[in-house]
Protein backbone atom coordinates (compact mmCIF):
# COMPACT_ATOMS: atom_id res chain seq x y z
CA MET A 1 82.63 108.01 138.29
CA THR A 2 81.70 109.47 134.64
CA PRO A 3 80.96 105.70 132.45
CA THR A 4 83.15 104.88 129.58
CA LYS A 5 81.72 106.15 126.40
CA ALA A 6 80.46 103.00 124.42
CA VAL A 7 80.45 102.25 120.43
CA TYR A 8 79.02 99.95 118.79
CA PRO A 9 80.63 98.51 115.93
CA THR A 10 78.53 98.29 112.35
CA THR A 11 81.49 95.09 111.28
CA VAL A 12 83.67 93.68 113.15
CA GLU A 13 86.13 91.04 111.47
CA ILE A 14 88.38 89.09 113.28
CA LEU A 15 91.21 88.55 111.13
CA ASN A 16 93.70 86.27 113.77
CA GLN A 17 92.67 84.65 117.23
CA GLU A 18 95.44 83.13 119.45
CA ILE A 19 93.66 80.60 121.82
CA ASP A 20 93.94 79.26 125.10
CA CYS A 21 91.71 76.40 124.23
CA GLU A 22 92.29 75.29 127.97
CA GLY A 23 91.99 78.82 129.62
CA ASN A 24 95.10 79.51 131.26
CA THR A 25 96.18 82.16 129.82
CA PRO A 26 95.21 85.08 127.99
CA SER A 27 93.64 85.04 124.11
CA TYR A 28 94.72 86.87 122.22
CA TYR A 29 92.83 89.07 119.00
CA ARG A 30 93.23 90.62 115.94
CA MET A 31 90.20 92.88 114.41
CA LEU A 32 89.14 94.82 112.17
CA VAL A 33 86.61 97.36 112.78
CA ASN A 34 84.42 99.15 109.74
CA LYS A 35 86.26 97.72 107.62
CA LYS A 36 89.78 100.83 108.83
CA HIS A 37 90.74 100.57 111.89
CA PHE A 38 92.46 97.70 113.17
CA LYS A 39 92.19 96.08 116.91
CA TYR A 40 93.99 94.60 119.05
CA ILE A 41 92.74 92.57 121.69
CA THR A 42 93.20 90.78 124.55
CA ILE A 43 91.24 88.36 126.82
CA GLU A 44 91.86 87.34 130.13
CA PRO A 45 91.99 83.81 131.13
CA LYS A 46 88.01 81.95 132.81
CA ILE A 47 86.09 84.81 131.50
CA TYR A 48 84.40 82.55 128.33
CA GLU A 49 84.53 78.94 127.69
CA ALA A 50 86.91 77.52 125.63
CA ASP A 51 84.14 77.00 122.75
CA ASP A 52 83.19 79.79 122.68
CA LEU A 53 86.44 81.39 122.67
CA CYS A 54 86.80 79.79 118.96
CA PHE A 55 83.48 81.16 117.65
CA PRO A 56 83.60 84.16 117.39
CA PRO A 57 79.87 84.62 116.10
CA ILE A 58 78.89 83.74 119.85
CA LEU A 59 82.65 85.40 121.58
CA LEU A 60 81.78 88.29 119.35
CA SER A 61 77.61 88.31 120.82
CA LYS A 62 80.13 88.14 124.45
CA LEU A 63 82.06 90.97 124.13
CA PRO A 64 81.46 94.42 126.32
CA PRO A 65 80.66 97.58 124.25
CA PHE A 66 84.13 99.05 122.80
CA PRO A 67 84.61 102.59 124.42
CA ALA A 68 84.88 104.66 121.79
CA GLY A 69 88.17 106.99 121.32
CA ASP A 70 91.02 106.36 118.95
CA TRP A 71 92.39 102.93 120.83
CA ASN A 72 94.16 100.54 119.25
CA TYR A 73 95.23 97.61 122.08
CA GLY A 74 92.17 96.53 124.20
CA ARG A 75 92.19 94.31 127.77
CA ILE A 76 88.88 92.97 128.50
CA SER A 77 88.99 91.83 132.46
CA GLN A 78 86.07 89.71 134.70
CA ALA A 79 85.30 91.31 138.33
CA ALA A 80 85.62 88.35 140.09
CA GLU A 81 81.73 90.34 141.46
CA ASN A 82 80.30 90.26 138.97
CA PRO A 83 80.27 88.41 135.28
CA THR A 84 80.10 91.06 133.42
CA THR A 85 83.15 91.62 131.33
CA PHE A 86 84.05 94.65 130.78
CA PHE A 87 87.16 96.96 129.34
CA ALA A 88 89.55 96.97 131.95
CA GLU A 89 92.08 98.79 129.76
CA THR A 90 92.37 100.88 126.74
CA SER A 91 95.24 102.59 125.07
CA ARG A 92 96.50 104.13 121.92
CA LYS A 93 100.13 101.31 121.67
CA HIS A 94 103.23 101.91 119.57
CA PHE A 95 103.36 98.15 117.71
CA PRO A 96 107.02 97.17 116.70
CA SER A 97 107.87 97.35 113.16
CA ILE A 98 110.24 95.06 110.97
CA THR A 99 113.34 97.46 110.05
CA PRO A 100 115.63 97.91 108.37
CA LEU A 101 114.66 97.96 105.37
CA TRP A 102 115.88 97.52 101.93
CA HIS A 103 113.57 97.14 99.16
CA ALA A 104 111.24 100.43 97.51
CA ASN A 105 107.53 99.28 97.98
CA SER A 106 104.94 98.75 100.32
CA TYR A 107 101.81 98.00 100.13
CA ASP A 108 98.39 98.73 102.44
CA TYR A 109 96.65 95.78 104.06
CA LEU A 110 93.92 96.91 103.42
CA SER A 111 94.66 96.71 100.00
CA PHE A 112 93.97 93.26 99.13
CA LYS A 113 92.34 90.30 99.85
CA ILE A 114 93.45 87.94 101.77
CA GLY A 115 92.71 84.58 100.62
CA GLN A 116 93.94 81.54 101.19
CA ARG A 117 95.96 79.86 104.58
CA LEU A 118 98.92 78.09 103.17
CA ARG A 119 101.36 77.69 106.37
CA ALA A 120 101.41 79.36 109.64
CA ASN A 121 101.61 83.29 108.74
CA VAL A 122 101.38 82.24 105.69
CA TYR A 123 99.04 84.01 102.63
CA VAL A 124 97.67 83.62 99.16
CA ALA A 125 96.50 87.22 98.63
CA SER A 126 95.41 89.75 95.79
CA SER A 127 94.62 93.23 94.78
CA SER A 128 94.12 95.50 91.66
CA GLN A 129 98.20 96.62 92.20
CA PHE A 130 98.97 92.83 90.95
CA LYS A 131 97.73 90.83 87.43
CA LYS A 132 97.40 87.89 89.28
CA PRO A 133 98.20 86.34 93.06
CA ILE A 134 101.00 86.89 95.88
CA ILE A 135 102.31 85.46 98.68
CA ALA A 136 101.53 87.30 101.89
CA LYS A 137 103.68 86.65 104.89
CA PHE A 138 103.34 88.77 107.93
CA ALA A 139 102.73 88.92 111.46
CA ARG A 140 99.35 88.71 113.61
CA PHE A 141 100.39 90.24 116.29
CA GLU A 142 104.20 92.26 117.70
CA TRP A 143 105.62 90.02 119.17
CA GLU A 144 106.07 87.89 115.55
CA ILE A 145 107.74 90.93 114.06
CA GLY A 146 110.74 89.10 114.52
CA TYR A 147 109.96 86.52 113.11
CA TYR A 148 110.72 88.00 110.05
CA ILE A 149 113.56 91.48 110.16
CA THR A 150 116.02 87.86 109.14
CA GLU A 151 114.03 86.76 106.09
CA THR A 152 113.26 90.11 105.08
CA GLN A 153 116.92 90.96 104.81
CA VAL A 154 118.38 87.38 103.64
CA TYR A 155 115.79 88.01 100.50
CA SER A 156 118.56 91.00 99.83
CA TRP A 157 120.93 88.94 99.86
CA ILE A 158 119.75 86.19 97.40
CA ASN A 159 117.90 89.20 95.22
CA GLY A 160 118.25 88.19 91.89
CA SER A 161 120.58 85.32 92.33
CA ASN A 162 117.08 83.14 91.45
CA ILE A 163 116.96 81.27 94.47
CA GLY A 164 114.10 82.09 96.01
CA PRO A 165 110.79 83.23 94.97
CA GLU A 166 111.09 87.52 94.28
CA PHE A 167 110.65 89.45 96.33
CA LEU A 168 107.74 92.12 95.51
CA GLY A 169 107.73 94.90 98.81
CA TYR A 170 106.48 95.58 102.61
CA LEU A 171 102.47 94.77 104.04
CA THR A 172 102.06 97.88 106.31
CA GLU A 173 99.12 98.50 108.78
CA GLU A 174 98.54 101.68 109.57
CA GLY A 175 101.99 102.00 108.34
CA ARG A 176 103.94 100.20 110.17
CA VAL A 177 105.40 97.30 108.36
CA ILE A 178 103.91 93.60 109.42
CA GLY A 179 105.16 91.95 106.47
CA PHE A 180 105.90 90.62 102.84
CA LEU A 181 105.15 90.25 99.46
CA ILE A 182 106.33 87.12 97.30
CA GLU A 183 105.61 86.50 94.40
CA HIS A 184 103.59 82.90 94.17
CA VAL A 185 105.43 80.13 92.69
CA GLU A 186 103.02 77.93 90.76
CA GLY A 187 104.72 74.19 91.90
CA ARG A 188 105.19 70.79 94.05
CA HIS A 189 106.41 69.75 96.83
CA ALA A 190 110.23 67.65 96.33
CA THR A 191 110.11 64.57 96.09
CA ILE A 192 113.77 62.39 96.52
CA SER A 193 113.39 62.74 92.30
CA ASP A 194 114.04 65.99 92.67
CA LEU A 195 117.37 66.25 94.78
CA PRO A 196 120.08 67.02 91.69
CA ALA A 197 117.80 70.08 91.60
CA CYS A 198 117.20 70.46 95.07
CA GLU A 199 121.12 69.94 94.50
CA ALA A 200 121.57 73.00 92.81
CA VAL A 201 119.45 75.91 94.56
CA VAL A 202 121.13 74.72 97.88
CA ARG A 203 124.48 75.07 96.36
CA ARG A 204 123.54 78.97 95.29
CA LEU A 205 123.03 79.62 97.99
CA HIS A 206 126.23 78.60 99.90
CA GLY A 207 128.01 80.31 97.29
CA LEU A 208 126.61 84.00 98.55
CA HIS A 209 127.48 82.89 101.71
CA ILE A 210 124.21 81.34 103.80
CA LEU A 211 122.75 78.35 105.60
CA HIS A 212 119.25 78.12 105.33
CA ARG A 213 118.93 75.95 107.85
CA ASP A 214 116.03 74.66 107.78
CA LEU A 215 115.73 72.25 104.42
CA ASN A 216 111.99 69.78 104.82
CA LYS A 217 111.38 68.93 101.45
CA HIS A 218 108.56 71.05 101.90
CA ASN A 219 110.95 74.20 101.72
CA PHE A 220 111.51 72.87 97.95
CA LEU A 221 109.16 74.19 95.50
CA ILE A 222 109.43 72.30 91.84
CA SER A 223 108.81 74.58 89.30
CA GLU A 224 108.65 75.68 85.87
CA ARG A 225 112.04 76.68 86.41
CA GLY A 226 113.60 74.04 88.70
CA ALA A 227 113.65 73.92 92.11
CA VAL A 228 112.96 76.81 94.53
CA LEU A 229 114.12 77.93 98.05
CA ILE A 230 111.23 79.61 100.71
CA ASP A 231 110.92 80.03 104.41
CA PHE A 232 114.69 82.26 105.38
CA GLU A 233 113.31 83.00 109.03
CA THR A 234 116.56 81.02 110.71
CA ALA A 235 119.14 81.93 106.93
CA GLU A 236 122.26 83.18 108.44
CA ARG A 237 125.32 84.26 106.42
CA SER A 238 128.27 82.13 106.50
CA ASP A 239 131.93 81.18 105.71
CA ASP A 240 131.26 77.34 108.17
CA SER A 241 132.27 74.61 104.32
CA GLU A 242 131.19 72.04 107.06
CA ALA A 243 128.32 73.09 107.99
CA MET A 244 127.41 73.73 104.06
CA GLU A 245 128.00 70.46 103.74
CA ALA A 246 126.30 68.89 106.81
CA GLU A 247 123.56 70.69 104.86
CA LEU A 248 124.18 69.16 100.46
CA ARG A 249 124.62 65.35 102.72
CA GLY A 250 121.36 65.96 105.49
CA LEU A 251 119.09 66.86 101.88
CA GLU A 252 118.55 63.23 100.95
CA GLU A 253 117.17 62.04 104.04
CA GLN A 254 115.02 65.69 104.15
CA LEU A 255 113.75 64.18 100.87
CA LEU A 256 112.50 60.83 101.67
CA ASP A 257 111.32 62.22 105.52
CA LYS A 258 107.86 61.17 105.63
CA SER A 259 107.35 62.67 109.41
CA GLY A 260 105.16 65.48 108.03
CA ASN A 261 107.70 67.53 109.60
CA GLY A 262 106.77 71.69 107.52
CA GLY A 263 103.68 71.58 107.20
CA VAL A 264 100.15 69.59 106.98
CA ILE A 265 99.71 68.63 103.35
CA ILE A 266 97.03 67.34 101.04
CA PRO A 267 97.15 66.53 97.30
CA SER A 268 94.47 68.56 94.84
CA SER A 269 94.16 68.37 91.26
CA GLY A 270 98.53 66.55 91.43
CA LYS A 271 99.38 69.74 92.99
CA THR A 272 100.36 70.15 96.80
CA LEU A 273 98.56 72.39 99.38
CA LEU A 274 98.43 73.08 102.75
CA ALA A 275 95.86 72.12 104.76
CA LEU A 276 93.34 75.47 105.39
CA GLN A 277 89.86 75.67 105.29
CA VAL A 278 88.61 79.55 105.88
CA ALA A 279 84.64 79.33 107.23
CA ARG A 280 82.74 82.28 107.12
CA ALA A 281 79.13 83.11 109.50
CA GLN A 282 77.50 86.32 109.07
CA THR A 283 74.78 87.86 111.74
CA ALA A 284 72.13 90.86 111.76
CA GLN A 285 75.29 93.39 112.74
CA HIS A 286 78.63 91.88 112.94
CA LYS A 287 80.85 89.96 109.25
CA ILE A 288 83.23 87.45 110.86
CA ILE A 289 85.73 86.31 108.94
CA TYR A 290 88.28 83.54 110.25
CA PRO A 291 90.25 79.99 109.97
CA ARG A 292 88.76 77.44 111.99
CA ILE A 293 91.32 75.91 114.54
CA GLN A 294 94.46 74.89 113.47
CA ILE A 295 96.96 73.14 114.73
CA TYR A 296 100.87 74.09 113.19
């Protein structure tokens, strides 16, 4: 049997990771190789220690060599009789894309600098294509695509209504749509003193026959233009007037809530930010950028 030819990338960047720290199920990684090739790597359970899975410099030093070829999915395994890890599978997978599309503009992921993480899958991003930072919301892995199909459509329903941030276009990876870009609204999360403004924007939403269905206080941004609604993943078309009244009645309780439902909050310079620390590490052969372990 002819051994698989291996390649040694000069740069490996771990973009995203989803790890089972107990080691009972596979761990998943989205990587960028040599600044241009996306690789989705599944590591079978019980191969590496949890600490190694969570710390890219150590993990990357232990991975088997990457097989040569035009592949974007790989699965790392280990034989029971041999501790050496290996790529049990590589293939060129056709990953899903967000559809249908309604906006004319699309932007490639590699044209952005992805910065601070605000929530799960929500990042501040910057590019020469935009005069100021924007918000990128995207699926890290293929099973997350479905989360954003509804949300992209809701933005078409509210377009021009001054309800949510301006929708700027789609975020693509090798041609497929993995997410979307919206205006970065400068503001703070709502408090009980903002109840009238929050009621007003919710009434405008209901006037378009849309239920939000997740009106926690972290989904309101109070800006210079008033209350702005965000996070439309669970929104839906509806003519249910009773459900709409129930959303409005529940606003006061949501704005008084101190449970943290909807996000982990820290104050900074008078503004509210969602917690994130981004760590960077350098090794002789690899550049790795990765988030510290977060629970959302």
